[in-house]
Amino acid sequence: MKLRGNSPAKVDEKGRLKIPAYFLDALKEFGNQFYITSPNGESARVYPMKVWSEIEDRLANTPNSAEKRAFLMRTSYFGQVAEMDAQGRVLLPVVLREAAALTGDVAVLGNLNYLVVMNDARAVERIKNEPFTEEQEDALGL
């Protein structure tokens, strides 16, 4: 499964994100459970539970470090298990919704094996203010 592209969506008044149909088929192969979290509170990451479990397994085999503690603290603070309902909606954690301003219009971005959900205005601003340079492209070997 490769999640790619952008699909605009809305977060309703109850804090539910309707997963765009564009991503739904790819996600359904992983079932309807997700771990929704963030390492920084600026956006939400929607991980299929299988993908999140693989991350936890890697972390469990990683020596304890300041980076590991910081990542786990933040992803636990902002994180919550969510189950997709019959309409393809997931409930975003309240703490994360507030921190990342995830209400109304959002951008849902594919990030290979998880989705990133950002306040649409913040996503546009970040793209404008943080250009992707040729040096970054070269560092990726593209």
Protein backbone atom coordinates (compact mmCIF):
# COMPACT_ATOMS: atom_id res chain seq x y z
CA MET A 1 0.00 0.00 0.00
CA LYS A 2 1.24 3.44 -0.91
CA LEU A 3 -0.73 6.47 0.18
CA ARG A 4 0.00 9.47 -1.99
CA GLY A 5 -1.54 12.76 -3.00
CA ASN A 6 -3.85 15.26 -1.34
CA SER A 7 -7.57 15.13 -0.82
CA PRO A 8 -9.47 17.97 0.81
CA ALA A 9 -11.83 16.96 3.61
CA LYS A 10 -13.77 18.36 6.55
CA VAL A 11 -13.74 17.65 10.25
CA ASP A 12 -17.32 17.84 11.51
CA GLU A 13 -18.55 19.53 14.71
CA LYS A 14 -18.12 16.25 16.64
CA GLY A 15 -14.45 15.98 15.63
CA ARG A 16 -14.90 13.23 13.06
CA LEU A 17 -12.85 13.09 9.89
CA LYS A 18 -14.44 11.40 6.92
CA ILE A 19 -11.58 9.54 5.26
CA PRO A 20 -11.62 10.69 1.62
CA ALA A 21 -12.74 7.99 -0.82
CA TYR A 22 -9.43 8.54 -2.61
CA PHE A 23 -7.62 6.86 0.33
CA LEU A 24 -10.36 4.57 1.61
CA ASP A 25 -9.72 1.54 -0.61
CA ALA A 26 -6.01 1.45 0.19
CA LEU A 27 -6.70 1.74 3.93
CA LYS A 28 -9.43 -0.89 4.00
CA GLU A 29 -6.90 -3.66 3.35
CA PHE A 30 -5.62 -2.94 6.89
CA GLY A 31 -8.99 -3.12 8.61
CA ASN A 32 -10.85 -0.38 10.43
CA GLN A 33 -8.58 0.32 13.43
CA PHE A 34 -6.16 3.22 13.45
CA TYR A 35 -3.81 4.99 15.82
CA ILE A 36 -4.17 8.74 15.43
CA THR A 37 -1.37 10.79 16.93
CA SER A 38 1.26 13.46 16.38
CA PRO A 39 4.89 13.93 17.38
CA ASN A 40 4.47 17.72 17.54
CA GLY A 41 0.78 18.70 17.74
CA GLU A 42 0.86 20.56 14.41
CA SER A 43 -0.94 17.89 12.40
CA ALA A 44 -2.49 14.47 12.90
CA ARG A 45 -1.01 11.23 11.64
CA VAL A 46 -3.53 8.49 10.92
CA TYR A 47 -1.70 5.17 11.07
CA PRO A 48 -3.35 1.86 10.21
CA MET A 49 -2.97 -0.13 13.44
CA LYS A 50 -0.70 -2.66 11.66
CA VAL A 51 1.70 0.13 10.66
CA TRP A 52 1.66 1.65 14.17
CA SER A 53 2.30 -1.78 15.73
CA GLU A 54 5.39 -2.15 13.54
CA ILE A 55 6.65 1.24 14.80
CA GLU A 56 6.05 0.13 18.41
CA ASP A 57 7.93 -3.12 17.76
CA ARG A 58 10.93 -1.20 16.36
CA LEU A 59 10.86 1.18 19.33
CA ALA A 60 10.66 -1.71 21.80
CA ASN A 61 13.95 -2.98 20.35
CA THR A 62 15.60 0.44 20.46
CA PRO A 63 17.74 1.38 23.46
CA ASN A 64 16.19 3.94 25.77
CA SER A 65 17.19 7.47 24.74
CA ALA A 66 16.01 11.05 25.03
CA GLU A 67 14.64 10.83 21.46
CA LYS A 68 12.68 7.67 22.19
CA ARG A 69 11.21 9.12 25.41
CA ALA A 70 10.27 12.39 23.68
CA PHE A 71 8.61 10.59 20.76
CA LEU A 72 6.64 8.24 23.02
CA MET A 73 5.60 11.05 25.38
CA ARG A 74 4.19 13.15 22.54
CA THR A 75 2.62 10.34 20.54
CA SER A 76 0.97 9.03 23.70
CA TYR A 77 -0.21 12.49 24.81
CA PHE A 78 -1.76 13.27 21.43
CA GLY A 79 -2.61 9.67 20.52
CA GLN A 80 -5.74 7.58 20.59
CA VAL A 81 -6.95 4.35 19.01
CA ALA A 82 -9.84 5.02 16.64
CA GLU A 83 -12.18 2.74 14.78
CA MET A 84 -13.56 3.73 11.41
CA ASP A 85 -17.35 3.69 11.37
CA ALA A 86 -19.59 2.44 8.55
CA GLN A 87 -19.49 5.90 6.92
CA GLY A 88 -15.68 5.91 6.77
CA ARG A 89 -15.23 8.38 9.64
CA VAL A 90 -12.69 8.38 12.46
CA LEU A 91 -12.80 10.47 15.62
CA LEU A 92 -9.75 12.68 16.00
CA PRO A 93 -8.43 12.99 19.60
CA VAL A 94 -9.69 16.17 21.29
CA VAL A 95 -6.25 17.28 22.53
CA LEU A 96 -4.80 16.89 19.05
CA ARG A 97 -7.77 18.52 17.33
CA GLU A 98 -7.32 21.61 19.49
CA ALA A 99 -3.52 21.78 19.21
CA ALA A 100 -3.52 21.37 15.43
CA ALA A 101 -6.67 23.45 14.77
CA LEU A 102 -8.33 20.51 13.02
CA THR A 103 -11.81 21.87 12.47
CA GLY A 104 -13.61 22.56 9.24
CA ASP A 105 -11.48 22.35 6.10
CA VAL A 106 -8.43 20.11 6.32
CA ALA A 107 -5.90 18.69 3.89
CA VAL A 108 -5.48 14.91 3.99
CA LEU A 109 -2.07 14.04 2.59
CA GLY A 110 -0.74 10.60 1.74
CA ASN A 111 2.61 9.90 3.36
CA LEU A 112 3.40 6.43 1.96
CA ASN A 113 2.01 4.28 4.81
CA TYR A 114 -0.02 6.76 6.86
CA LEU A 115 -2.12 9.88 6.34
CA VAL A 116 -1.28 13.38 7.53
CA VAL A 117 -4.23 15.62 8.40
CA MET A 118 -3.49 19.35 8.55
CA ASN A 119 -5.52 22.49 8.91
CA ASP A 120 -5.80 23.50 5.26
CA ALA A 121 -4.64 27.10 5.78
CA ARG A 122 -1.63 25.88 7.80
CA ALA A 123 -0.71 23.39 5.06
CA VAL A 124 -0.73 26.12 2.41
CA GLU A 125 1.28 28.43 4.67
CA ARG A 126 3.87 25.74 5.40
CA ILE A 127 4.33 25.01 1.70
CA LYS A 128 4.85 28.74 1.03
CA ASN A 129 7.21 29.32 3.97
CA GLU A 130 9.23 26.11 3.78
CA PRO A 131 10.23 25.65 0.14
CA PHE A 132 11.61 22.32 -1.03
CA THR A 133 15.14 22.98 -2.24
CA GLU A 134 17.32 21.33 -4.85
CA GLU A 135 19.71 20.38 -2.03
CA GLN A 136 16.90 18.50 -0.26
CA GLU A 137 15.97 16.76 -3.48
CA ASP A 138 19.60 15.76 -4.02
CA ALA A 139 19.84 14.47 -0.42
CA LEU A 140 16.94 12.15 -1.22
CA GLY A 141 18.72 10.93 -4.34
CA LEU A 142 15.91 12.08 -6.65
